[in-house]
Amino acid sequence: MGANVVDYLQATRDNPCWGENGAGVNCVDAQGQWILYGIINRGSFLCAGKYATSTMIQSHLDWIKKTIEAKELA
C-alpha cells in the first residue's frame, strides 16, 4: 500500500467497534515480532461489519520519533 495514509482492514475474528477509535492495530512481522501497524480510525457501530479503517503508523513514523525525542528533552 506504499505511502497511503489510510489502510483498510479485514477482520478475521472480531471487528473493531464504535468507540474503539485510537486503538492499536498490531501484527507479526517477518521476524515473528509484534509491531504496531496502525491506529483504528473507524469500526462498525454495531460491531457487525467485516471491515475497519486505520491510519498507517509507517507514514507518520518520522514525526512520531521527533515528537517523542522533543518531549524527552523537555
N, C-alpha and C. Protein backbone atom coordinates (compact mmCIF):
# COMPACT_ATOMS: atom_id res chain seq x y z
N MET A 1 0.81 -1.20 0.00
CA MET A 1 0.00 0.00 0.00
C MET A 1 0.86 1.26 0.00
N GLY A 2 2.15 1.09 0.07
CA GLY A 2 3.06 2.20 -0.11
C GLY A 2 2.85 3.36 0.84
N ALA A 3 2.69 4.55 0.27
CA ALA A 3 2.60 5.76 1.07
C ALA A 3 1.18 6.11 1.46
N ASN A 4 0.22 5.22 1.24
CA ASN A 4 -1.15 5.51 1.63
C ASN A 4 -1.21 5.80 3.12
N VAL A 5 -2.05 6.75 3.49
CA VAL A 5 -2.20 7.10 4.89
C VAL A 5 -3.26 6.22 5.54
N VAL A 6 -4.29 5.88 4.81
CA VAL A 6 -5.37 5.06 5.36
C VAL A 6 -5.27 3.66 4.78
N ASP A 7 -5.45 2.69 5.62
CA ASP A 7 -5.41 1.30 5.21
C ASP A 7 -6.75 0.68 5.55
N TYR A 8 -7.18 -0.28 4.77
CA TYR A 8 -8.44 -0.97 5.03
C TYR A 8 -8.12 -2.35 5.58
N LEU A 9 -8.78 -2.70 6.66
CA LEU A 9 -8.52 -3.95 7.35
C LEU A 9 -9.69 -4.88 7.22
N GLN A 10 -9.41 -6.14 6.99
CA GLN A 10 -10.45 -7.15 7.01
C GLN A 10 -10.28 -7.94 8.29
N ALA A 11 -11.31 -7.93 9.11
CA ALA A 11 -11.25 -8.63 10.39
C ALA A 11 -11.32 -10.13 10.18
N THR A 12 -10.50 -10.86 10.93
CA THR A 12 -10.54 -12.32 10.84
C THR A 12 -11.34 -12.91 11.99
N ARG A 13 -11.48 -12.18 13.08
CA ARG A 13 -12.27 -12.67 14.21
C ARG A 13 -13.25 -11.59 14.65
N ASP A 14 -12.78 -10.65 15.44
CA ASP A 14 -13.64 -9.58 15.96
C ASP A 14 -13.35 -8.28 15.23
N ASN A 15 -14.40 -7.61 14.80
CA ASN A 15 -14.24 -6.33 14.14
C ASN A 15 -14.16 -5.23 15.18
N PRO A 16 -13.33 -4.20 14.96
CA PRO A 16 -13.34 -3.07 15.88
C PRO A 16 -14.73 -2.45 15.93
N CYS A 17 -15.15 -2.05 17.10
CA CYS A 17 -16.48 -1.49 17.30
C CYS A 17 -16.41 0.03 17.42
N TRP A 18 -17.58 0.66 17.35
CA TRP A 18 -17.70 2.08 17.60
C TRP A 18 -17.13 2.36 18.99
N GLY A 19 -16.35 3.40 19.12
CA GLY A 19 -15.75 3.73 20.41
C GLY A 19 -14.34 3.21 20.57
N GLU A 20 -13.88 2.38 19.66
CA GLU A 20 -12.52 1.84 19.75
C GLU A 20 -11.53 2.63 18.90
N ASN A 21 -11.96 3.79 18.42
CA ASN A 21 -11.05 4.65 17.65
C ASN A 21 -9.84 4.96 18.50
N GLY A 22 -8.67 4.93 17.89
CA GLY A 22 -7.43 5.20 18.61
C GLY A 22 -6.74 3.95 19.12
N ALA A 23 -7.41 2.82 19.05
CA ALA A 23 -6.78 1.56 19.48
C ALA A 23 -5.73 1.14 18.45
N GLY A 24 -4.75 0.40 18.89
CA GLY A 24 -3.68 -0.03 18.01
C GLY A 24 -4.07 -1.21 17.13
N VAL A 25 -3.48 -1.24 15.95
CA VAL A 25 -3.58 -2.39 15.05
C VAL A 25 -2.21 -3.06 15.09
N ASN A 26 -2.14 -4.23 15.67
CA ASN A 26 -0.88 -4.94 15.84
C ASN A 26 -0.82 -6.14 14.90
N CYS A 27 0.38 -6.46 14.45
CA CYS A 27 0.57 -7.65 13.62
C CYS A 27 1.97 -8.19 13.84
N VAL A 28 2.21 -9.39 13.36
CA VAL A 28 3.51 -10.03 13.49
C VAL A 28 4.31 -9.78 12.22
N ASP A 29 5.55 -9.30 12.37
CA ASP A 29 6.38 -9.03 11.19
C ASP A 29 7.09 -10.30 10.73
N ALA A 30 7.92 -10.18 9.72
CA ALA A 30 8.60 -11.34 9.13
C ALA A 30 9.54 -12.04 10.10
N GLN A 31 10.01 -11.32 11.14
CA GLN A 31 10.90 -11.92 12.14
C GLN A 31 10.13 -12.51 13.32
N GLY A 32 8.80 -12.46 13.26
CA GLY A 32 7.98 -13.01 14.33
C GLY A 32 7.77 -12.06 15.50
N GLN A 33 8.13 -10.78 15.32
CA GLN A 33 7.97 -9.78 16.37
C GLN A 33 6.64 -9.04 16.19
N TRP A 34 5.95 -8.78 17.30
CA TRP A 34 4.73 -7.98 17.24
C TRP A 34 5.11 -6.53 17.01
N ILE A 35 4.41 -5.88 16.08
CA ILE A 35 4.65 -4.46 15.80
C ILE A 35 3.32 -3.71 15.79
N LEU A 36 3.40 -2.41 16.06
CA LEU A 36 2.23 -1.54 15.92
C LEU A 36 2.17 -1.11 14.47
N TYR A 37 1.14 -1.52 13.77
CA TYR A 37 1.00 -1.26 12.34
C TYR A 37 0.19 0.00 12.07
N GLY A 38 -0.83 0.22 12.87
CA GLY A 38 -1.70 1.36 12.63
C GLY A 38 -2.55 1.70 13.84
N ILE A 39 -3.38 2.71 13.66
CA ILE A 39 -4.32 3.18 14.68
C ILE A 39 -5.72 3.13 14.07
N ILE A 40 -6.65 2.51 14.77
CA ILE A 40 -8.03 2.38 14.27
C ILE A 40 -8.66 3.76 14.09
N ASN A 41 -9.22 3.99 12.92
CA ASN A 41 -9.98 5.21 12.64
C ASN A 41 -11.47 4.99 12.84
N ARG A 42 -11.94 3.87 12.35
CA ARG A 42 -13.38 3.64 12.37
C ARG A 42 -13.68 2.16 12.32
N GLY A 43 -14.60 1.75 13.17
CA GLY A 43 -15.12 0.39 13.14
C GLY A 43 -16.63 0.46 12.96
N SER A 44 -17.27 -0.67 12.99
CA SER A 44 -18.71 -0.74 12.80
C SER A 44 -19.44 -0.29 14.06
N PHE A 45 -20.52 0.47 13.89
CA PHE A 45 -21.31 0.95 15.03
C PHE A 45 -21.87 -0.22 15.84
N LEU A 46 -22.31 -1.26 15.16
CA LEU A 46 -22.90 -2.41 15.85
C LEU A 46 -21.92 -3.58 15.96
N CYS A 47 -20.67 -3.35 15.65
CA CYS A 47 -19.62 -4.37 15.72
C CYS A 47 -19.90 -5.55 14.80
N ALA A 48 -20.71 -5.33 13.79
CA ALA A 48 -21.10 -6.44 12.91
C ALA A 48 -20.41 -6.38 11.55
N GLY A 49 -19.69 -5.29 11.29
CA GLY A 49 -19.05 -5.15 9.99
C GLY A 49 -17.83 -6.05 9.86
N LYS A 50 -17.41 -6.24 8.64
CA LYS A 50 -16.24 -7.09 8.38
C LYS A 50 -14.99 -6.26 8.12
N TYR A 51 -15.14 -4.94 8.00
CA TYR A 51 -14.01 -4.10 7.66
C TYR A 51 -13.90 -2.92 8.62
N ALA A 52 -12.69 -2.39 8.73
CA ALA A 52 -12.43 -1.18 9.50
C ALA A 52 -11.34 -0.41 8.76
N THR A 53 -11.13 0.84 9.13
CA THR A 53 -10.04 1.62 8.55
C THR A 53 -9.06 2.00 9.64
N SER A 54 -7.81 2.17 9.23
CA SER A 54 -6.78 2.58 10.18
C SER A 54 -5.80 3.53 9.51
N THR A 55 -5.13 4.34 10.33
CA THR A 55 -4.05 5.18 9.86
C THR A 55 -2.76 4.40 10.01
N MET A 56 -1.99 4.31 8.95
CA MET A 56 -0.75 3.54 8.99
C MET A 56 0.32 4.31 9.75
N ILE A 57 0.95 3.67 10.72
CA ILE A 57 2.00 4.28 11.52
C ILE A 57 3.21 4.64 10.67
N GLN A 58 3.59 3.79 9.75
CA GLN A 58 4.80 4.00 8.96
C GLN A 58 4.78 5.35 8.24
N SER A 59 3.62 5.78 7.80
CA SER A 59 3.51 7.06 7.10
C SER A 59 3.84 8.25 7.99
N HIS A 60 3.77 8.06 9.30
CA HIS A 60 3.97 9.15 10.26
C HIS A 60 5.14 8.88 11.20
N LEU A 61 5.93 7.86 10.93
CA LEU A 61 6.97 7.43 11.85
C LEU A 61 8.01 8.50 12.15
N ASP A 62 8.45 9.25 11.15
CA ASP A 62 9.44 10.31 11.40
C ASP A 62 8.89 11.35 12.38
N TRP A 63 7.64 11.77 12.17
CA TRP A 63 7.02 12.76 13.05
C TRP A 63 6.88 12.20 14.46
N ILE A 64 6.46 10.95 14.60
CA ILE A 64 6.31 10.33 15.91
C ILE A 64 7.64 10.31 16.65
N LYS A 65 8.70 9.89 15.98
CA LYS A 65 10.03 9.83 16.61
C LYS A 65 10.50 11.21 17.04
N LYS A 66 10.34 12.23 16.17
CA LYS A 66 10.76 13.59 16.52
C LYS A 66 9.97 14.13 17.70
N THR A 67 8.68 13.84 17.75
CA THR A 67 7.84 14.31 18.85
C THR A 67 8.25 13.65 20.16
N ILE A 68 8.51 12.36 20.14
CA ILE A 68 8.95 11.66 21.35
C ILE A 68 10.29 12.20 21.82
N GLU A 69 11.24 12.38 20.91
CA GLU A 69 12.55 12.90 21.28
C GLU A 69 12.45 14.30 21.87
N ALA A 70 11.62 15.16 21.28
CA ALA A 70 11.46 16.53 21.78
C ALA A 70 10.88 16.53 23.19
N LYS A 71 9.93 15.65 23.45
CA LYS A 71 9.32 15.59 24.78
C LYS A 71 10.30 15.03 25.80
N GLU A 72 11.15 14.10 25.39
CA GLU A 72 12.15 13.54 26.31
C GLU A 72 13.19 14.58 26.68
N LEU A 73 13.50 15.50 25.77
CA LEU A 73 14.49 16.54 26.03
C LEU A 73 13.93 17.70 26.83
N ALA A 74 12.61 17.84 26.84
CA ALA A 74 11.96 18.98 27.53
C ALA A 74 12.01 18.85 29.04
